[in-house]
Amino acid sequence: MQKRMAEPAESAEAALWLLSDRASFATGAALAVDGGHTAN
């Protein structure tokens, strides 16, 4: 788990990836952008 809050740009990069052609094969998945907080 990260010991810091995410920078706004880090969350935005995840959203941009989901909107891009690079995520075209990602379907029906939850993408946690929480620094590992929910992995415990």
PDB file of N, CA and C in Angstrom:
ATOM      1  N   MET A   1       0.846  -1.177   0.000  1.00  0.00           N
ATOM      2  CA  MET A   1       0.000   0.000   0.000  1.00  0.00           C
ATOM      3  C   MET A   1       0.891   1.240   0.000  1.00  0.00           C
ATOM      4  N   GLN A   2       0.494   2.206  -0.810  1.00  0.00           N
ATOM      5  CA  GLN A   2       1.210   3.473  -0.856  1.00  0.00           C
ATOM      6  C   GLN A   2       0.954   4.249   0.429  1.00  0.00           C
ATOM      7  N   LYS A   3       1.913   4.985   0.852  1.00  0.00           N
ATOM      8  CA  LYS A   3       1.759   5.776   2.073  1.00  0.00           C
ATOM      9  C   LYS A   3       1.568   7.258   1.747  1.00  0.00           C
ATOM     10  N   ARG A   4       0.851   7.499   0.654  1.00  0.00           N
ATOM     11  CA  ARG A   4       0.578   8.881   0.242  1.00  0.00           C
ATOM     12  C   ARG A   4      -0.724   8.906  -0.538  1.00  0.00           C
ATOM     13  N   MET A   5      -1.265  10.088  -0.685  1.00  0.00           N
ATOM     14  CA  MET A   5      -2.448  10.286  -1.510  1.00  0.00           C
ATOM     15  C   MET A   5      -2.014  10.387  -2.966  1.00  0.00           C
ATOM     16  N   ALA A   6      -2.883   9.983  -3.848  1.00  0.00           N
ATOM     17  CA  ALA A   6      -2.588  10.075  -5.280  1.00  0.00           C
ATOM     18  C   ALA A   6      -2.608  11.523  -5.735  1.00  0.00           C
ATOM     19  N   GLU A   7      -1.747  11.807  -6.675  1.00  0.00           N
ATOM     20  CA  GLU A   7      -1.803  13.105  -7.339  1.00  0.00           C
ATOM     21  C   GLU A   7      -2.975  13.068  -8.324  1.00  0.00           C
ATOM     22  N   PRO A   8      -3.643  14.170  -8.550  1.00  0.00           N
ATOM     23  CA  PRO A   8      -4.755  14.189  -9.507  1.00  0.00           C
ATOM     24  C   PRO A   8      -4.363  13.639 -10.880  1.00  0.00           C
ATOM     25  N   ALA A   9      -3.147  13.905 -11.299  1.00  0.00           N
ATOM     26  CA  ALA A   9      -2.690  13.426 -12.610  1.00  0.00           C
ATOM     27  C   ALA A   9      -2.631  11.906 -12.656  1.00  0.00           C
ATOM     28  N   GLU A  10      -2.348  11.256 -11.530  1.00  0.00           N
ATOM     29  CA  GLU A  10      -2.291   9.796 -11.504  1.00  0.00           C
ATOM     30  C   GLU A  10      -3.672   9.177 -11.733  1.00  0.00           C
ATOM     31  N   SER A  11      -4.677   9.760 -11.141  1.00  0.00           N
ATOM     32  CA  SER A  11      -6.044   9.289 -11.377  1.00  0.00           C
ATOM     33  C   SER A  11      -6.474   9.593 -12.804  1.00  0.00           C
ATOM     34  N   ALA A  12      -6.105  10.747 -13.300  1.00  0.00           N
ATOM     35  CA  ALA A  12      -6.462  11.131 -14.665  1.00  0.00           C
ATOM     36  C   ALA A  12      -5.811  10.205 -15.682  1.00  0.00           C
ATOM     37  N   GLU A  13      -4.568   9.783 -15.428  1.00  0.00           N
ATOM     38  CA  GLU A  13      -3.899   8.875 -16.355  1.00  0.00           C
ATOM     39  C   GLU A  13      -4.620   7.536 -16.446  1.00  0.00           C
ATOM     40  N   ALA A  14      -5.149   7.044 -15.343  1.00  0.00           N
ATOM     41  CA  ALA A  14      -5.912   5.797 -15.373  1.00  0.00           C
ATOM     42  C   ALA A  14      -7.178   5.971 -16.206  1.00  0.00           C
ATOM     43  N   ALA A  15      -7.860   7.093 -16.038  1.00  0.00           N
ATOM     44  CA  ALA A  15      -9.070   7.360 -16.817  1.00  0.00           C
ATOM     45  C   ALA A  15      -8.745   7.498 -18.300  1.00  0.00           C
ATOM     46  N   LEU A  16      -7.662   8.197 -18.603  1.00  0.00           N
ATOM     47  CA  LEU A  16      -7.267   8.354 -20.000  1.00  0.00           C
ATOM     48  C   LEU A  16      -6.907   7.018 -20.633  1.00  0.00           C
ATOM     49  N   TRP A  17      -6.265   6.142 -19.879  1.00  0.00           N
ATOM     50  CA  TRP A  17      -5.932   4.819 -20.402  1.00  0.00           C
ATOM     51  C   TRP A  17      -7.218   4.054 -20.734  1.00  0.00           C
ATOM     52  N   LEU A  18      -8.201   4.100 -19.831  1.00  0.00           N
ATOM     53  CA  LEU A  18      -9.460   3.397 -20.087  1.00  0.00           C
ATOM     54  C   LEU A  18     -10.170   3.932 -21.325  1.00  0.00           C
ATOM     55  N   LEU A  19     -10.011   5.203 -21.610  1.00  0.00           N
ATOM     56  CA  LEU A  19     -10.643   5.819 -22.772  1.00  0.00           C
ATOM     57  C   LEU A  19      -9.845   5.641 -24.057  1.00  0.00           C
ATOM     58  N   SER A  20      -8.638   5.099 -23.938  1.00  0.00           N
ATOM     59  CA  SER A  20      -7.766   4.995 -25.101  1.00  0.00           C
ATOM     60  C   SER A  20      -7.923   3.661 -25.829  1.00  0.00           C
ATOM     61  N   ASP A  21      -7.342   3.585 -27.003  1.00  0.00           N
ATOM     62  CA  ASP A  21      -7.325   2.336 -27.763  1.00  0.00           C
ATOM     63  C   ASP A  21      -6.488   1.261 -27.079  1.00  0.00           C
ATOM     64  N   ARG A  22      -5.571   1.649 -26.202  1.00  0.00           N
ATOM     65  CA  ARG A  22      -4.717   0.692 -25.513  1.00  0.00           C
ATOM     66  C   ARG A  22      -5.518  -0.180 -24.542  1.00  0.00           C
ATOM     67  N   ALA A  23      -6.702   0.248 -24.143  1.00  0.00           N
ATOM     68  CA  ALA A  23      -7.539  -0.515 -23.223  1.00  0.00           C
ATOM     69  C   ALA A  23      -8.661  -1.238 -23.965  1.00  0.00           C
ATOM     70  N   SER A  24      -8.511  -1.392 -25.266  1.00  0.00           N
ATOM     71  CA  SER A  24      -9.593  -1.959 -26.069  1.00  0.00           C
ATOM     72  C   SER A  24      -9.925  -3.410 -25.711  1.00  0.00           C
ATOM     73  N   PHE A  25      -9.010  -4.124 -25.073  1.00  0.00           N
ATOM     74  CA  PHE A  25      -9.259  -5.521 -24.720  1.00  0.00           C
ATOM     75  C   PHE A  25      -9.692  -5.667 -23.265  1.00  0.00           C
ATOM     76  N   ALA A  26      -9.759  -4.582 -22.517  1.00  0.00           N
ATOM     77  CA  ALA A  26     -10.198  -4.604 -21.120  1.00  0.00           C
ATOM     78  C   ALA A  26     -11.720  -4.496 -21.090  1.00  0.00           C
ATOM     79  N   THR A  27     -12.372  -5.544 -20.628  1.00  0.00           N
ATOM     80  CA  THR A  27     -13.834  -5.531 -20.548  1.00  0.00           C
ATOM     81  C   THR A  27     -14.286  -6.085 -19.205  1.00  0.00           C
ATOM     82  N   GLY A  28     -15.265  -5.460 -18.624  1.00  0.00           N
ATOM     83  CA  GLY A  28     -15.889  -5.966 -17.405  1.00  0.00           C
ATOM     84  C   GLY A  28     -14.971  -6.068 -16.213  1.00  0.00           C
ATOM     85  N   ALA A  29     -13.978  -5.223 -16.132  1.00  0.00           N
ATOM     86  CA  ALA A  29     -13.047  -5.275 -15.015  1.00  0.00           C
ATOM     87  C   ALA A  29     -13.138  -4.001 -14.188  1.00  0.00           C
ATOM     88  N   ALA A  30     -12.897  -4.153 -12.904  1.00  0.00           N
ATOM     89  CA  ALA A  30     -12.804  -2.984 -12.036  1.00  0.00           C
ATOM     90  C   ALA A  30     -11.337  -2.613 -11.916  1.00  0.00           C
ATOM     91  N   LEU A  31     -11.033  -1.383 -12.150  1.00  0.00           N
ATOM     92  CA  LEU A  31      -9.669  -0.904 -12.064  1.00  0.00           C
ATOM     93  C   LEU A  31      -9.545  -0.036 -10.819  1.00  0.00           C
ATOM     94  N   ALA A  32      -8.943  -0.605  -9.790  1.00  0.00           N
ATOM     95  CA  ALA A  32      -8.770   0.148  -8.536  1.00  0.00           C
ATOM     96  C   ALA A  32      -7.568   1.068  -8.669  1.00  0.00           C
ATOM     97  N   VAL A  33      -7.803   2.337  -8.544  1.00  0.00           N
ATOM     98  CA  VAL A  33      -6.722   3.323  -8.598  1.00  0.00           C
ATOM     99  C   VAL A  33      -6.649   3.923  -7.191  1.00  0.00           C
ATOM    100  N   ASP A  34      -6.176   3.089  -6.276  1.00  0.00           N
ATOM    101  CA  ASP A  34      -6.195   3.478  -4.860  1.00  0.00           C
ATOM    102  C   ASP A  34      -4.876   3.195  -4.147  1.00  0.00           C
ATOM    103  N   GLY A  35      -3.810   2.974  -4.902  1.00  0.00           N
ATOM    104  CA  GLY A  35      -2.512   2.747  -4.288  1.00  0.00           C
ATOM    105  C   GLY A  35      -2.415   1.464  -3.485  1.00  0.00           C
ATOM    106  N   GLY A  36      -3.299   0.511  -3.759  1.00  0.00           N
ATOM    107  CA  GLY A  36      -3.277  -0.766  -3.054  1.00  0.00           C
ATOM    108  C   GLY A  36      -4.116  -0.805  -1.801  1.00  0.00           C
ATOM    109  N   HIS A  37      -4.853   0.249  -1.534  1.00  0.00           N
ATOM    110  CA  HIS A  37      -5.629   0.332  -0.285  1.00  0.00           C
ATOM    111  C   HIS A  37      -6.670  -0.790  -0.161  1.00  0.00           C
ATOM    112  N   THR A  38      -7.346  -1.152  -1.254  1.00  0.00           N
ATOM    113  CA  THR A  38      -8.381  -2.181  -1.172  1.00  0.00           C
ATOM    114  C   THR A  38      -7.827  -3.587  -1.355  1.00  0.00           C
ATOM    115  N   ALA A  39      -6.518  -3.736  -1.529  1.00  0.00           N
ATOM    116  CA  ALA A  39      -5.914  -5.053  -1.722  1.00  0.00           C
ATOM    117  C   ALA A  39      -5.790  -5.847  -0.428  1.00  0.00           C
ATOM    118  N   ASN A  40      -5.970  -5.215   0.695  1.00  0.00           N
ATOM    119  CA  ASN A  40      -5.794  -5.922   1.974  1.00  0.00           C
ATOM    120  C   ASN A  40      -6.938  -6.814   2.229  1.00  0.00           C
TER     121      ASN A  40
END
